Amino acid sequence: MKEKNITKASLNEVRKMKGLTDWKRLRAMTDEDIERAAANDPDCPMTTAADWKNARVVWPEGKEPVAIEKDIVEWFRKRGHEYQSEINSALREYMKSHQSKRKTKRHAAV
């Protein structure tokens, strides 16, 4: 992308901009109208069952998606740009502290 094609705007400026979407026309469209328009869109061909036949979900190796409540994520995010690493470190410390407690309990029971 060339620099001349980039437009910078503040959030307030963006909020004042008028969109090009014809909302009245869009709200009047039926599901059939939308499906027909999507089927005729040359930039986004419809997929078929054959396209998905061999599809599978692949998680990044060594990582697992988790649901963390929003207020917790926001608290860590405010602390710095590497908040995901901070969350991971906090969870690892919690895990380590509980692993050592379990080992102590197991040895005491033997």
C-alpha atoms as a PDB file:
ATOM      1  CA  MET A   1       0.000   0.000   0.000  1.00  0.00           C
ATOM      2  CA  LYS A   2       1.319   3.387  -0.904  1.00  0.00           C
ATOM      3  CA  GLU A   3       1.509   6.167   1.680  1.00  0.00           C
ATOM      4  CA  LYS A   4      -0.685   8.467  -0.441  1.00  0.00           C
ATOM      5  CA  ASN A   5      -3.603   6.025  -0.071  1.00  0.00           C
ATOM      6  CA  ILE A   6      -3.550   6.165   3.723  1.00  0.00           C
ATOM      7  CA  THR A   7      -5.866   8.610   5.447  1.00  0.00           C
ATOM      8  CA  LYS A   8      -5.465   9.346   9.121  1.00  0.00           C
ATOM      9  CA  ALA A   9      -8.422  10.477  11.205  1.00  0.00           C
ATOM     10  CA  SER A  10      -9.147  10.847  14.876  1.00  0.00           C
ATOM     11  CA  LEU A  11     -11.942   8.868  16.490  1.00  0.00           C
ATOM     12  CA  ASN A  12     -14.065  12.018  16.649  1.00  0.00           C
ATOM     13  CA  GLU A  13     -13.489  12.670  12.934  1.00  0.00           C
ATOM     14  CA  VAL A  14     -14.426   9.095  12.077  1.00  0.00           C
ATOM     15  CA  ARG A  15     -17.641   9.377  14.087  1.00  0.00           C
ATOM     16  CA  LYS A  16     -18.599  12.498  12.097  1.00  0.00           C
ATOM     17  CA  MET A  17     -18.014  10.850   8.704  1.00  0.00           C
ATOM     18  CA  LYS A  18     -21.056   9.884   6.700  1.00  0.00           C
ATOM     19  CA  GLY A  19     -21.019   6.290   5.562  1.00  0.00           C
ATOM     20  CA  LEU A  20     -21.871   5.210   2.035  1.00  0.00           C
ATOM     21  CA  THR A  21     -24.212   2.419   3.094  1.00  0.00           C
ATOM     22  CA  ASP A  22     -27.819   2.760   1.931  1.00  0.00           C
ATOM     23  CA  TRP A  23     -29.349   1.502   5.183  1.00  0.00           C
ATOM     24  CA  LYS A  24     -32.954   1.975   4.014  1.00  0.00           C
ATOM     25  CA  ARG A  25     -32.348  -0.221   0.962  1.00  0.00           C
ATOM     26  CA  LEU A  26     -30.437  -2.773   3.030  1.00  0.00           C
ATOM     27  CA  ARG A  27     -33.193  -3.052   5.669  1.00  0.00           C
ATOM     28  CA  ALA A  28     -35.745  -3.603   2.889  1.00  0.00           C
ATOM     29  CA  MET A  29     -33.826  -6.588   1.472  1.00  0.00           C
ATOM     30  CA  THR A  30     -35.204 -10.070   2.044  1.00  0.00           C
ATOM     31  CA  ASP A  31     -33.020 -13.071   2.874  1.00  0.00           C
ATOM     32  CA  GLU A  32     -33.442 -14.176  -0.729  1.00  0.00           C
ATOM     33  CA  ASP A  33     -32.225 -10.762  -1.974  1.00  0.00           C
ATOM     34  CA  ILE A  34     -29.162 -11.005   0.243  1.00  0.00           C
ATOM     35  CA  GLU A  35     -28.394 -14.575  -0.850  1.00  0.00           C
ATOM     36  CA  ARG A  36     -28.766 -13.608  -4.520  1.00  0.00           C
ATOM     37  CA  ALA A  37     -26.465 -10.601  -4.081  1.00  0.00           C
ATOM     38  CA  ALA A  38     -23.880 -12.741  -2.286  1.00  0.00           C
ATOM     39  CA  ALA A  39     -24.051 -15.439  -4.978  1.00  0.00           C
ATOM     40  CA  ASN A  40     -23.433 -12.822  -7.683  1.00  0.00           C
ATOM     41  CA  ASP A  41     -20.516 -11.123  -5.894  1.00  0.00           C
ATOM     42  CA  PRO A  42     -17.404 -11.814  -8.020  1.00  0.00           C
ATOM     43  CA  ASP A  43     -15.094 -10.858  -5.135  1.00  0.00           C
ATOM     44  CA  CYS A  44     -16.493 -13.449  -2.759  1.00  0.00           C
ATOM     45  CA  PRO A  45     -17.556 -16.713  -4.386  1.00  0.00           C
ATOM     46  CA  MET A  46     -19.878 -18.971  -2.405  1.00  0.00           C
ATOM     47  CA  THR A  47     -18.309 -21.997  -0.762  1.00  0.00           C
ATOM     48  CA  THR A  48     -19.583 -25.528  -1.169  1.00  0.00           C
ATOM     49  CA  ALA A  49     -19.518 -28.606   1.033  1.00  0.00           C
ATOM     50  CA  ALA A  50     -16.578 -29.819  -1.066  1.00  0.00           C
ATOM     51  CA  ASP A  51     -14.601 -26.708  -0.072  1.00  0.00           C
ATOM     52  CA  TRP A  52     -14.995 -27.661   3.590  1.00  0.00           C
ATOM     53  CA  LYS A  53     -14.688 -31.446   3.203  1.00  0.00           C
ATOM     54  CA  ASN A  54     -11.110 -31.622   4.516  1.00  0.00           C
ATOM     55  CA  ALA A  55     -11.240 -28.544   6.750  1.00  0.00           C
ATOM     56  CA  ARG A  56     -10.038 -28.859  10.323  1.00  0.00           C
ATOM     57  CA  VAL A  57      -9.379 -26.531  13.227  1.00  0.00           C
ATOM     58  CA  VAL A  58      -5.677 -26.068  13.916  1.00  0.00           C
ATOM     59  CA  TRP A  59      -4.551 -24.321  17.103  1.00  0.00           C
ATOM     60  CA  PRO A  60      -1.104 -22.746  17.245  1.00  0.00           C
ATOM     61  CA  GLU A  61       1.251 -25.299  18.736  1.00  0.00           C
ATOM     62  CA  GLY A  62       1.594 -24.970  22.474  1.00  0.00           C
ATOM     63  CA  LYS A  63      -1.298 -22.509  22.834  1.00  0.00           C
ATOM     64  CA  GLU A  64      -4.893 -23.033  23.816  1.00  0.00           C
ATOM     65  CA  PRO A  65      -7.746 -20.519  23.509  1.00  0.00           C
ATOM     66  CA  VAL A  66      -9.363 -19.598  26.820  1.00  0.00           C
ATOM     67  CA  ALA A  67     -12.254 -17.381  27.829  1.00  0.00           C
ATOM     68  CA  ILE A  68     -11.107 -14.761  30.315  1.00  0.00           C
ATOM     69  CA  GLU A  69     -13.610 -12.290  31.684  1.00  0.00           C
ATOM     70  CA  LYS A  70     -13.411  -8.848  30.132  1.00  0.00           C
ATOM     71  CA  ASP A  71     -12.651  -6.897  33.315  1.00  0.00           C
ATOM     72  CA  ILE A  72      -9.620  -9.118  33.995  1.00  0.00           C
ATOM     73  CA  VAL A  73      -8.264  -8.655  30.465  1.00  0.00           C
ATOM     74  CA  GLU A  74      -8.831  -4.883  30.684  1.00  0.00           C
ATOM     75  CA  TRP A  75      -6.953  -4.709  33.996  1.00  0.00           C
ATOM     76  CA  PHE A  76      -3.939  -6.478  32.502  1.00  0.00           C
ATOM     77  CA  ARG A  77      -4.189  -4.470  29.256  1.00  0.00           C
ATOM     78  CA  LYS A  78      -3.953  -1.199  31.202  1.00  0.00           C
ATOM     79  CA  ARG A  79      -0.718  -2.421  32.775  1.00  0.00           C
ATOM     80  CA  GLY A  80       1.133  -2.621  29.444  1.00  0.00           C
ATOM     81  CA  HIS A  81       1.270  -3.767  25.850  1.00  0.00           C
ATOM     82  CA  GLU A  82       2.459  -7.290  26.698  1.00  0.00           C
ATOM     83  CA  TYR A  83      -0.596  -8.007  28.802  1.00  0.00           C
ATOM     84  CA  GLN A  84      -1.092 -11.496  27.331  1.00  0.00           C
ATOM     85  CA  SER A  85       2.360 -12.525  28.537  1.00  0.00           C
ATOM     86  CA  GLU A  86       1.519 -11.051  31.951  1.00  0.00           C
ATOM     87  CA  ILE A  87      -1.687 -13.098  32.128  1.00  0.00           C
ATOM     88  CA  ASN A  88       0.274 -16.209  31.142  1.00  0.00           C
ATOM     89  CA  SER A  89       2.893 -15.493  33.826  1.00  0.00           C
ATOM     90  CA  ALA A  90       0.226 -15.002  36.497  1.00  0.00           C
ATOM     91  CA  LEU A  91      -1.459 -18.273  35.557  1.00  0.00           C
ATOM     92  CA  ARG A  92       1.899 -20.105  35.507  1.00  0.00           C
ATOM     93  CA  GLU A  93       2.749 -18.826  39.014  1.00  0.00           C
ATOM     94  CA  TYR A  94      -0.669 -19.948  40.242  1.00  0.00           C
ATOM     95  CA  MET A  95      -0.130 -23.358  38.651  1.00  0.00           C
ATOM     96  CA  LYS A  96       3.352 -23.739  40.192  1.00  0.00           C
ATOM     97  CA  SER A  97       2.147 -22.773  43.669  1.00  0.00           C
ATOM     98  CA  HIS A  98      -0.647 -25.328  43.505  1.00  0.00           C
ATOM     99  CA  GLN A  99       1.605 -28.069  42.126  1.00  0.00           C
ATOM    100  CA  SER A 100       3.954 -27.736  45.090  1.00  0.00           C
ATOM    101  CA  LYS A 101       0.978 -27.883  47.514  1.00  0.00           C
ATOM    102  CA  ARG A 102      -0.279 -31.095  45.892  1.00  0.00           C
ATOM    103  CA  LYS A 103       3.166 -32.713  46.143  1.00  0.00           C
ATOM    104  CA  THR A 104       3.334 -31.800  49.842  1.00  0.00           C
ATOM    105  CA  LYS A 105      -0.137 -33.295  50.464  1.00  0.00           C
ATOM    106  CA  ARG A 106       0.746 -36.508  48.578  1.00  0.00           C
ATOM    107  CA  HIS A 107       3.941 -37.026  50.607  1.00  0.00           C
ATOM    108  CA  ALA A 108       2.112 -36.367  53.866  1.00  0.00           C
ATOM    109  CA  ALA A 109      -0.547 -38.971  52.996  1.00  0.00           C
ATOM    110  CA  VAL A 110       1.996 -41.711  52.254  1.00  0.00           C
END
